[in-house]
Amino acid sequence: GNVNDLKLVSMILAETLRLYPPVVM
């Protein structure tokens, strides 16, 4: 019930995926 309330953590993960995407191509 509270995982989706982690808004800043979600943004941190989005920025991580931007800089270091698991699939690069």
mmCIF file of all heavy atoms, coordinates in Angstrom:
data_MODEL
# 
_entry.id   MODEL 
# 
loop_
_atom_site.group_PDB 
_atom_site.id 
_atom_site.type_symbol 
_atom_site.label_atom_id 
_atom_site.label_alt_id 
_atom_site.label_comp_id 
_atom_site.label_asym_id 
_atom_site.label_entity_id 
_atom_site.label_seq_id 
_atom_site.pdbx_PDB_ins_code 
_atom_site.Cartn_x 
_atom_site.Cartn_y 
_atom_site.Cartn_z 
_atom_site.occupancy 
_atom_site.B_iso_or_equiv 
_atom_site.pdbx_formal_charge 
_atom_site.auth_seq_id 
_atom_site.auth_comp_id 
_atom_site.auth_asym_id 
_atom_site.auth_atom_id 
_atom_site.pdbx_PDB_model_num 
ATOM 1   N N   . GLY A 1 1  ? 0.780  -1.228 0.000   1.00 0.00 ? 1  GLY A N   1 
ATOM 2   C CA  . GLY A 1 1  ? 0.000  0.000  0.000   1.00 0.00 ? 1  GLY A CA  1 
ATOM 3   C C   . GLY A 1 1  ? 0.808  1.272  0.000   1.00 0.00 ? 1  GLY A C   1 
ATOM 4   O O   . GLY A 1 1  ? 0.263  2.349  -0.271  1.00 0.00 ? 1  GLY A O   1 
ATOM 5   N N   . ASN A 1 2  ? 2.122  1.196  0.326   1.00 0.00 ? 2  ASN A N   1 
ATOM 6   C CA  . ASN A 1 2  ? 2.899  2.446  0.367   1.00 0.00 ? 2  ASN A CA  1 
ATOM 7   C C   . ASN A 1 2  ? 4.071  2.515  -0.607  1.00 0.00 ? 2  ASN A C   1 
ATOM 8   O O   . ASN A 1 2  ? 4.739  3.549  -0.696  1.00 0.00 ? 2  ASN A O   1 
ATOM 9   C CB  . ASN A 1 2  ? 3.384  2.746  1.792   1.00 0.00 ? 2  ASN A CB  1 
ATOM 10  C CG  . ASN A 1 2  ? 4.338  1.688  2.335   1.00 0.00 ? 2  ASN A CG  1 
ATOM 11  O OD1 . ASN A 1 2  ? 5.004  0.994  1.599   1.00 0.00 ? 2  ASN A OD1 1 
ATOM 12  N ND2 . ASN A 1 2  ? 4.394  1.582  3.671   1.00 0.00 ? 2  ASN A ND2 1 
ATOM 13  N N   . VAL A 1 3  ? 4.335  1.454  -1.337  1.00 0.00 ? 3  VAL A N   1 
ATOM 14  C CA  . VAL A 1 3  ? 5.478  1.467  -2.270  1.00 0.00 ? 3  VAL A CA  1 
ATOM 15  C C   . VAL A 1 3  ? 5.339  2.587  -3.301  1.00 0.00 ? 3  VAL A C   1 
ATOM 16  O O   . VAL A 1 3  ? 6.303  3.300  -3.606  1.00 0.00 ? 3  VAL A O   1 
ATOM 17  C CB  . VAL A 1 3  ? 5.625  0.099  -2.967  1.00 0.00 ? 3  VAL A CB  1 
ATOM 18  C CG1 . VAL A 1 3  ? 6.639  0.177  -4.115  1.00 0.00 ? 3  VAL A CG1 1 
ATOM 19  C CG2 . VAL A 1 3  ? 6.071  -0.961 -1.964  1.00 0.00 ? 3  VAL A CG2 1 
ATOM 20  N N   . ASN A 1 4  ? 4.137  2.773  -3.824  1.00 0.00 ? 4  ASN A N   1 
ATOM 21  C CA  . ASN A 1 4  ? 3.937  3.804  -4.842  1.00 0.00 ? 4  ASN A CA  1 
ATOM 22  C C   . ASN A 1 4  ? 3.955  5.226  -4.285  1.00 0.00 ? 4  ASN A C   1 
ATOM 23  O O   . ASN A 1 4  ? 3.940  6.198  -5.053  1.00 0.00 ? 4  ASN A O   1 
ATOM 24  C CB  . ASN A 1 4  ? 2.624  3.563  -5.591  1.00 0.00 ? 4  ASN A CB  1 
ATOM 25  C CG  . ASN A 1 4  ? 2.758  2.429  -6.600  1.00 0.00 ? 4  ASN A CG  1 
ATOM 26  O OD1 . ASN A 1 4  ? 3.849  2.170  -7.125  1.00 0.00 ? 4  ASN A OD1 1 
ATOM 27  N ND2 . ASN A 1 4  ? 1.664  1.743  -6.870  1.00 0.00 ? 4  ASN A ND2 1 
ATOM 28  N N   . ASP A 1 5  ? 4.010  5.362  -2.965  1.00 0.00 ? 5  ASP A N   1 
ATOM 29  C CA  . ASP A 1 5  ? 4.119  6.694  -2.359  1.00 0.00 ? 5  ASP A CA  1 
ATOM 30  C C   . ASP A 1 5  ? 5.567  7.183  -2.314  1.00 0.00 ? 5  ASP A C   1 
ATOM 31  O O   . ASP A 1 5  ? 5.818  8.323  -1.915  1.00 0.00 ? 5  ASP A O   1 
ATOM 32  C CB  . ASP A 1 5  ? 3.545  6.674  -0.944  1.00 0.00 ? 5  ASP A CB  1 
ATOM 33  C CG  . ASP A 1 5  ? 2.037  6.421  -0.935  1.00 0.00 ? 5  ASP A CG  1 
ATOM 34  O OD1 . ASP A 1 5  ? 1.373  6.813  -1.912  1.00 0.00 ? 5  ASP A OD1 1 
ATOM 35  O OD2 . ASP A 1 5  ? 1.534  5.820  0.034   1.00 0.00 ? 5  ASP A OD2 1 
ATOM 36  N N   . LEU A 1 6  ? 6.491  6.342  -2.697  1.00 0.00 ? 6  LEU A N   1 
ATOM 37  C CA  . LEU A 1 6  ? 7.914  6.721  -2.709  1.00 0.00 ? 6  LEU A CA  1 
ATOM 38  C C   . LEU A 1 6  ? 8.218  7.503  -3.992  1.00 0.00 ? 6  LEU A C   1 
ATOM 39  O O   . LEU A 1 6  ? 8.876  7.009  -4.912  1.00 0.00 ? 6  LEU A O   1 
ATOM 40  C CB  . LEU A 1 6  ? 8.789  5.475  -2.588  1.00 0.00 ? 6  LEU A CB  1 
ATOM 41  C CG  . LEU A 1 6  ? 8.617  4.662  -1.292  1.00 0.00 ? 6  LEU A CG  1 
ATOM 42  C CD1 . LEU A 1 6  ? 9.329  3.321  -1.395  1.00 0.00 ? 6  LEU A CD1 1 
ATOM 43  C CD2 . LEU A 1 6  ? 9.138  5.460  -0.096  1.00 0.00 ? 6  LEU A CD2 1 
ATOM 44  N N   . LYS A 1 7  ? 7.743  8.741  -4.056  1.00 0.00 ? 7  LYS A N   1 
ATOM 45  C CA  . LYS A 1 7  ? 7.826  9.543  -5.283  1.00 0.00 ? 7  LYS A CA  1 
ATOM 46  C C   . LYS A 1 7  ? 9.259  9.925  -5.618  1.00 0.00 ? 7  LYS A C   1 
ATOM 47  O O   . LYS A 1 7  ? 9.681  9.838  -6.782  1.00 0.00 ? 7  LYS A O   1 
ATOM 48  C CB  . LYS A 1 7  ? 6.971  10.809 -5.147  1.00 0.00 ? 7  LYS A CB  1 
ATOM 49  C CG  . LYS A 1 7  ? 5.507  10.551 -4.796  1.00 0.00 ? 7  LYS A CG  1 
ATOM 50  C CD  . LYS A 1 7  ? 4.809  9.726  -5.848  1.00 0.00 ? 7  LYS A CD  1 
ATOM 51  C CE  . LYS A 1 7  ? 3.318  9.551  -5.509  1.00 0.00 ? 7  LYS A CE  1 
ATOM 52  N NZ  . LYS A 1 7  ? 2.642  8.644  -6.469  1.00 0.00 ? 7  LYS A NZ  1 
ATOM 53  N N   . LEU A 1 8  ? 10.019 10.386 -4.626  1.00 0.00 ? 8  LEU A N   1 
ATOM 54  C CA  . LEU A 1 8  ? 11.404 10.781 -4.885  1.00 0.00 ? 8  LEU A CA  1 
ATOM 55  C C   . LEU A 1 8  ? 12.252 9.572  -5.248  1.00 0.00 ? 8  LEU A C   1 
ATOM 56  O O   . LEU A 1 8  ? 13.097 9.641  -6.152  1.00 0.00 ? 8  LEU A O   1 
ATOM 57  C CB  . LEU A 1 8  ? 11.994 11.492 -3.663  1.00 0.00 ? 8  LEU A CB  1 
ATOM 58  C CG  . LEU A 1 8  ? 13.433 12.015 -3.832  1.00 0.00 ? 8  LEU A CG  1 
ATOM 59  C CD1 . LEU A 1 8  ? 13.537 12.969 -5.011  1.00 0.00 ? 8  LEU A CD1 1 
ATOM 60  C CD2 . LEU A 1 8  ? 13.910 12.670 -2.546  1.00 0.00 ? 8  LEU A CD2 1 
ATOM 61  N N   . VAL A 1 9  ? 12.017 8.455  -4.553  1.00 0.00 ? 9  VAL A N   1 
ATOM 62  C CA  . VAL A 1 9  ? 12.740 7.219  -4.903  1.00 0.00 ? 9  VAL A CA  1 
ATOM 63  C C   . VAL A 1 9  ? 12.431 6.826  -6.346  1.00 0.00 ? 9  VAL A C   1 
ATOM 64  O O   . VAL A 1 9  ? 13.328 6.393  -7.088  1.00 0.00 ? 9  VAL A O   1 
ATOM 65  C CB  . VAL A 1 9  ? 12.372 6.079  -3.925  1.00 0.00 ? 9  VAL A CB  1 
ATOM 66  C CG1 . VAL A 1 9  ? 12.943 4.745  -4.409  1.00 0.00 ? 9  VAL A CG1 1 
ATOM 67  C CG2 . VAL A 1 9  ? 12.885 6.394  -2.530  1.00 0.00 ? 9  VAL A CG2 1 
ATOM 68  N N   . SER A 1 10 ? 11.189 7.003  -6.777  1.00 0.00 ? 10 SER A N   1 
ATOM 69  C CA  . SER A 1 10 ? 10.827 6.704  -8.168  1.00 0.00 ? 10 SER A CA  1 
ATOM 70  C C   . SER A 1 10 ? 11.601 7.586  -9.136  1.00 0.00 ? 10 SER A C   1 
ATOM 71  O O   . SER A 1 10 ? 12.074 7.114  -10.177 1.00 0.00 ? 10 SER A O   1 
ATOM 72  C CB  . SER A 1 10 ? 9.320  6.905  -8.378  1.00 0.00 ? 10 SER A CB  1 
ATOM 73  O OG  . SER A 1 10 ? 8.579  5.994  -7.601  1.00 0.00 ? 10 SER A OG  1 
ATOM 74  N N   . MET A 1 11 ? 11.749 8.876  -8.800  1.00 0.00 ? 11 MET A N   1 
ATOM 75  C CA  . MET A 1 11 ? 12.508 9.778  -9.663  1.00 0.00 ? 11 MET A CA  1 
ATOM 76  C C   . MET A 1 11 ? 13.992 9.412  -9.694  1.00 0.00 ? 11 MET A C   1 
ATOM 77  O O   . MET A 1 11 ? 14.650 9.508  -10.732 1.00 0.00 ? 11 MET A O   1 
ATOM 78  C CB  . MET A 1 11 ? 12.313 11.228 -9.218  1.00 0.00 ? 11 MET A CB  1 
ATOM 79  C CG  . MET A 1 11 ? 10.928 11.775 -9.520  1.00 0.00 ? 11 MET A CG  1 
ATOM 80  S SD  . MET A 1 11 ? 10.798 13.567 -9.274  1.00 0.00 ? 11 MET A SD  1 
ATOM 81  C CE  . MET A 1 11 ? 10.741 13.646 -7.478  1.00 0.00 ? 11 MET A CE  1 
ATOM 82  N N   . ILE A 1 12 ? 14.512 8.973  -8.542  1.00 0.00 ? 12 ILE A N   1 
ATOM 83  C CA  . ILE A 1 12 ? 15.913 8.525  -8.486  1.00 0.00 ? 12 ILE A CA  1 
ATOM 84  C C   . ILE A 1 12 ? 16.120 7.312  -9.382  1.00 0.00 ? 12 ILE A C   1 
ATOM 85  O O   . ILE A 1 12 ? 17.119 7.212  -10.114 1.00 0.00 ? 12 ILE A O   1 
ATOM 86  C CB  . ILE A 1 12 ? 16.305 8.221  -7.028  1.00 0.00 ? 12 ILE A CB  1 
ATOM 87  C CG1 . ILE A 1 12 ? 16.450 9.533  -6.248  1.00 0.00 ? 12 ILE A CG1 1 
ATOM 88  C CG2 . ILE A 1 12 ? 17.583 7.391  -6.955  1.00 0.00 ? 12 ILE A CG2 1 
ATOM 89  C CD1 . ILE A 1 12 ? 16.545 9.359  -4.745  1.00 0.00 ? 12 ILE A CD1 1 
ATOM 90  N N   . LEU A 1 13 ? 15.179 6.387  -9.357  1.00 0.00 ? 13 LEU A N   1 
ATOM 91  C CA  . LEU A 1 13 ? 15.286 5.201  -10.213 1.00 0.00 ? 13 LEU A CA  1 
ATOM 92  C C   . LEU A 1 13 ? 15.148 5.579  -11.688 1.00 0.00 ? 13 LEU A C   1 
ATOM 93  O O   . LEU A 1 13 ? 15.850 5.016  -12.542 1.00 0.00 ? 13 LEU A O   1 
ATOM 94  C CB  . LEU A 1 13 ? 14.234 4.173  -9.816  1.00 0.00 ? 13 LEU A CB  1 
ATOM 95  C CG  . LEU A 1 13 ? 14.486 3.461  -8.482  1.00 0.00 ? 13 LEU A CG  1 
ATOM 96  C CD1 . LEU A 1 13 ? 13.272 2.647  -8.068  1.00 0.00 ? 13 LEU A CD1 1 
ATOM 97  C CD2 . LEU A 1 13 ? 15.722 2.570  -8.574  1.00 0.00 ? 13 LEU A CD2 1 
ATOM 98  N N   . ALA A 1 14 ? 14.254 6.525  -12.006 1.00 0.00 ? 14 ALA A N   1 
ATOM 99  C CA  . ALA A 1 14 ? 14.123 6.972  -13.387 1.00 0.00 ? 14 ALA A CA  1 
ATOM 100 C C   . ALA A 1 14 ? 15.420 7.605  -13.874 1.00 0.00 ? 14 ALA A C   1 
ATOM 101 O O   . ALA A 1 14 ? 15.869 7.355  -15.008 1.00 0.00 ? 14 ALA A O   1 
ATOM 102 C CB  . ALA A 1 14 ? 12.963 7.974  -13.515 1.00 0.00 ? 14 ALA A CB  1 
ATOM 103 N N   . GLU A 1 15 ? 16.056 8.409  -13.034 1.00 0.00 ? 15 GLU A N   1 
ATOM 104 C CA  . GLU A 1 15 ? 17.322 9.036  -13.421 1.00 0.00 ? 15 GLU A CA  1 
ATOM 105 C C   . GLU A 1 15 ? 18.427 7.993  -13.538 1.00 0.00 ? 15 GLU A C   1 
ATOM 106 O O   . GLU A 1 15 ? 19.306 8.095  -14.414 1.00 0.00 ? 15 GLU A O   1 
ATOM 107 C CB  . GLU A 1 15 ? 17.694 10.112 -12.403 1.00 0.00 ? 15 GLU A CB  1 
ATOM 108 C CG  . GLU A 1 15 ? 18.956 10.883 -12.711 1.00 0.00 ? 15 GLU A CG  1 
ATOM 109 C CD  . GLU A 1 15 ? 18.851 11.831 -13.897 1.00 0.00 ? 15 GLU A CD  1 
ATOM 110 O OE1 . GLU A 1 15 ? 17.974 11.623 -14.776 1.00 0.00 ? 15 GLU A OE1 1 
ATOM 111 O OE2 . GLU A 1 15 ? 19.652 12.769 -13.980 1.00 0.00 ? 15 GLU A OE2 1 
ATOM 112 N N   . THR A 1 16 ? 18.403 6.977  -12.680 1.00 0.00 ? 16 THR A N   1 
ATOM 113 C CA  . THR A 1 16 ? 19.356 5.869  -12.804 1.00 0.00 ? 16 THR A CA  1 
ATOM 114 C C   . THR A 1 16 ? 19.182 5.156  -14.132 1.00 0.00 ? 16 THR A C   1 
ATOM 115 O O   . THR A 1 16 ? 20.162 4.858  -14.837 1.00 0.00 ? 16 THR A O   1 
ATOM 116 C CB  . THR A 1 16 ? 19.158 4.872  -11.653 1.00 0.00 ? 16 THR A CB  1 
ATOM 117 O OG1 . THR A 1 16 ? 19.323 5.532  -10.399 1.00 0.00 ? 16 THR A OG1 1 
ATOM 118 C CG2 . THR A 1 16 ? 20.158 3.723  -11.747 1.00 0.00 ? 16 THR A CG2 1 
ATOM 119 N N   . LEU A 1 17 ? 17.933 4.876  -14.495 1.00 0.00 ? 17 LEU A N   1 
ATOM 120 C CA  . LEU A 1 17 ? 17.655 4.201  -15.768 1.00 0.00 ? 17 LEU A CA  1 
ATOM 121 C C   . LEU A 1 17 ? 18.032 5.066  -16.963 1.00 0.00 ? 17 LEU A C   1 
ATOM 122 O O   . LEU A 1 17 ? 18.367 4.558  -18.030 1.00 0.00 ? 17 LEU A O   1 
ATOM 123 C CB  . LEU A 1 17 ? 16.176 3.830  -15.832 1.00 0.00 ? 17 LEU A CB  1 
ATOM 124 C CG  . LEU A 1 17 ? 15.738 2.694  -14.913 1.00 0.00 ? 17 LEU A CG  1 
ATOM 125 C CD1 . LEU A 1 17 ? 14.217 2.651  -14.802 1.00 0.00 ? 17 LEU A CD1 1 
ATOM 126 C CD2 . LEU A 1 17 ? 16.267 1.353  -15.397 1.00 0.00 ? 17 LEU A CD2 1 
ATOM 127 N N   . ARG A 1 18 ? 17.964 6.368  -16.798 1.00 0.00 ? 18 ARG A N   1 
ATOM 128 C CA  . ARG A 1 18 ? 18.383 7.255  -17.889 1.00 0.00 ? 18 ARG A CA  1 
ATOM 129 C C   . ARG A 1 18 ? 19.892 7.196  -18.083 1.00 0.00 ? 18 ARG A C   1 
ATOM 130 O O   . ARG A 1 18 ? 20.382 7.024  -19.201 1.00 0.00 ? 18 ARG A O   1 
ATOM 131 C CB  . ARG A 1 18 ? 17.954 8.699  -17.590 1.00 0.00 ? 18 ARG A CB  1 
ATOM 132 C CG  . ARG A 1 18 ? 18.216 9.664  -18.749 1.00 0.00 ? 18 ARG A CG  1 
ATOM 133 C CD  . ARG A 1 18 ? 17.870 11.087 -18.377 1.00 0.00 ? 18 ARG A CD  1 
ATOM 134 N NE  . ARG A 1 18 ? 18.798 11.651 -17.405 1.00 0.00 ? 18 ARG A NE  1 
ATOM 135 C CZ  . ARG A 1 18 ? 19.990 12.167 -17.714 1.00 0.00 ? 18 ARG A CZ  1 
ATOM 136 N NH1 . ARG A 1 18 ? 20.417 12.175 -18.968 1.00 0.00 ? 18 ARG A NH1 1 
ATOM 137 N NH2 . ARG A 1 18 ? 20.762 12.669 -16.762 1.00 0.00 ? 18 ARG A NH2 1 
ATOM 138 N N   . LEU A 1 19 ? 20.634 7.322  -16.994 1.00 0.00 ? 19 LEU A N   1 
ATOM 139 C CA  . LEU A 1 19 ? 22.096 7.356  -17.092 1.00 0.00 ? 19 LEU A CA  1 
ATOM 140 C C   . LEU A 1 19 ? 22.702 5.979  -17.354 1.00 0.00 ? 19 LEU A C   1 
ATOM 141 O O   . LEU A 1 19 ? 23.687 5.859  -18.085 1.00 0.00 ? 19 LEU A O   1 
ATOM 142 C CB  . LEU A 1 19 ? 22.676 7.934  -15.799 1.00 0.00 ? 19 LEU A CB  1 
ATOM 143 C CG  . LEU A 1 19 ? 22.417 9.419  -15.553 1.00 0.00 ? 19 LEU A CG  1 
ATOM 144 C CD1 . LEU A 1 19 ? 22.840 9.801  -14.140 1.00 0.00 ? 19 LEU A CD1 1 
ATOM 145 C CD2 . LEU A 1 19 ? 23.131 10.289 -16.582 1.00 0.00 ? 19 LEU A CD2 1 
ATOM 146 N N   . TYR A 1 20 ? 22.119 4.938  -16.768 1.00 0.00 ? 20 TYR A N   1 
ATOM 147 C CA  . TYR A 1 20 ? 22.670 3.580  -16.870 1.00 0.00 ? 20 TYR A CA  1 
ATOM 148 C C   . TYR A 1 20 ? 21.551 2.583  -17.190 1.00 0.00 ? 20 TYR A C   1 
ATOM 149 O O   . TYR A 1 20 ? 21.207 1.735  -16.356 1.00 0.00 ? 20 TYR A O   1 
ATOM 150 C CB  . TYR A 1 20 ? 23.386 3.190  -15.573 1.00 0.00 ? 20 TYR A CB  1 
ATOM 151 C CG  . TYR A 1 20 ? 24.555 4.081  -15.257 1.00 0.00 ? 20 TYR A CG  1 
ATOM 152 C CD1 . TYR A 1 20 ? 24.405 5.176  -14.407 1.00 0.00 ? 20 TYR A CD1 1 
ATOM 153 C CD2 . TYR A 1 20 ? 25.806 3.858  -15.829 1.00 0.00 ? 20 TYR A CD2 1 
ATOM 154 C CE1 . TYR A 1 20 ? 25.477 6.027  -14.136 1.00 0.00 ? 20 TYR A CE1 1 
ATOM 155 C CE2 . TYR A 1 20 ? 26.879 4.692  -15.564 1.00 0.00 ? 20 TYR A CE2 1 
ATOM 156 C CZ  . TYR A 1 20 ? 26.712 5.780  -14.717 1.00 0.00 ? 20 TYR A CZ  1 
ATOM 157 O OH  . TYR A 1 20 ? 27.773 6.613  -14.461 1.00 0.00 ? 20 TYR A OH  1 
ATOM 158 N N   . PRO A 1 21 ? 20.956 2.663  -18.381 1.00 0.00 ? 21 PRO A N   1 
ATOM 159 C CA  . PRO A 1 21 ? 19.867 1.739  -18.722 1.00 0.00 ? 21 PRO A CA  1 
ATOM 160 C C   . PRO A 1 21 ? 20.378 0.307  -18.837 1.00 0.00 ? 21 PRO A C   1 
ATOM 161 O O   . PRO A 1 21 ? 21.441 0.075  -19.428 1.00 0.00 ? 21 PRO A O   1 
ATOM 162 C CB  . PRO A 1 21 ? 19.382 2.253  -20.088 1.00 0.00 ? 21 PRO A CB  1 
ATOM 163 C CG  . PRO A 1 21 ? 20.581 2.949  -20.669 1.00 0.00 ? 21 PRO A CG  1 
ATOM 164 C CD  . PRO A 1 21 ? 21.305 3.550  -19.507 1.00 0.00 ? 21 PRO A CD  1 
ATOM 165 N N   . PRO A 1 22 ? 19.674 -0.669 -18.254 1.00 0.00 ? 22 PRO A N   1 
ATOM 166 C CA  . PRO A 1 22 ? 20.122 -2.072 -18.398 1.00 0.00 ? 22 PRO A CA  1 
ATOM 167 C C   . PRO A 1 22 ? 20.254 -2.491 -19.855 1.00 0.00 ? 22 PRO A C   1 
ATOM 168 O O   . PRO A 1 22 ? 21.199 -3.174 -20.233 1.00 0.00 ? 22 PRO A O   1 
ATOM 169 C CB  . PRO A 1 22 ? 19.014 -2.860 -17.680 1.00 0.00 ? 22 PRO A CB  1 
ATOM 170 C CG  . PRO A 1 22 ? 18.389 -1.890 -16.734 1.00 0.00 ? 22 PRO A CG  1 
ATOM 171 C CD  . PRO A 1 22 ? 18.464 -0.559 -17.419 1.00 0.00 ? 22 PRO A CD  1 
ATOM 172 N N   . VAL A 1 23 ? 19.295 -2.076 -20.694 1.00 0.00 ? 23 VAL A N   1 
ATOM 173 C CA  . VAL A 1 23 ? 19.344 -2.374 -22.128 1.00 0.00 ? 23 VAL A CA  1 
ATOM 174 C C   . VAL A 1 23 ? 19.772 -1.099 -22.839 1.00 0.00 ? 23 VAL A C   1 
ATOM 175 O O   . VAL A 1 23 ? 19.040 -0.114 -22.857 1.00 0.00 ? 23 VAL A O   1 
ATOM 176 C CB  . VAL A 1 23 ? 17.975 -2.846 -22.647 1.00 0.00 ? 23 VAL A CB  1 
ATOM 177 C CG1 . VAL A 1 23 ? 18.035 -3.125 -24.145 1.00 0.00 ? 23 VAL A CG1 1 
ATOM 178 C CG2 . VAL A 1 23 ? 17.517 -4.086 -21.888 1.00 0.00 ? 23 VAL A CG2 1 
ATOM 179 N N   . VAL A 1 24 ? 20.963 -1.089 -23.433 1.00 0.00 ? 24 VAL A N   1 
ATOM 180 C CA  . VAL A 1 24 ? 21.491 0.140  -24.034 1.00 0.00 ? 24 VAL A CA  1 
ATOM 181 C C   . VAL A 1 24 ? 21.094 0.283  -25.498 1.00 0.00 ? 24 VAL A C   1 
ATOM 182 O O   . VAL A 1 24 ? 21.185 1.371  -26.066 1.00 0.00 ? 24 VAL A O   1 
ATOM 183 C CB  . VAL A 1 24 ? 23.025 0.225  -23.892 1.00 0.00 ? 24 VAL A CB  1 
ATOM 184 C CG1 . VAL A 1 24 ? 23.433 0.147  -22.436 1.00 0.00 ? 24 VAL A CG1 1 
ATOM 185 C CG2 . VAL A 1 24 ? 23.729 -0.858 -24.701 1.00 0.00 ? 24 VAL A CG2 1 
ATOM 186 N N   . MET A 1 25 ? 20.654 -0.811 -26.117 1.00 0.00 ? 25 MET A N   1 
ATOM 187 C CA  . MET A 1 25 ? 20.248 -0.749 -27.517 1.00 0.00 ? 25 MET A CA  1 
ATOM 188 C C   . MET A 1 25 ? 19.272 -1.877 -27.829 1.00 0.00 ? 25 MET A C   1 
ATOM 189 O O   . MET A 1 25 ? 19.271 -2.918 -27.173 1.00 0.00 ? 25 MET A O   1 
ATOM 190 C CB  . MET A 1 25 ? 21.461 -0.837 -28.450 1.00 0.00 ? 25 MET A CB  1 
ATOM 191 C CG  . MET A 1 25 ? 22.208 -2.152 -28.367 1.00 0.00 ? 25 MET A CG  1 
ATOM 192 S SD  . MET A 1 25 ? 23.708 -2.193 -29.378 1.00 0.00 ? 25 MET A SD  1 
ATOM 193 C CE  . MET A 1 25 ? 24.814 -1.188 -28.383 1.00 0.00 ? 25 MET A CE  1 
# 
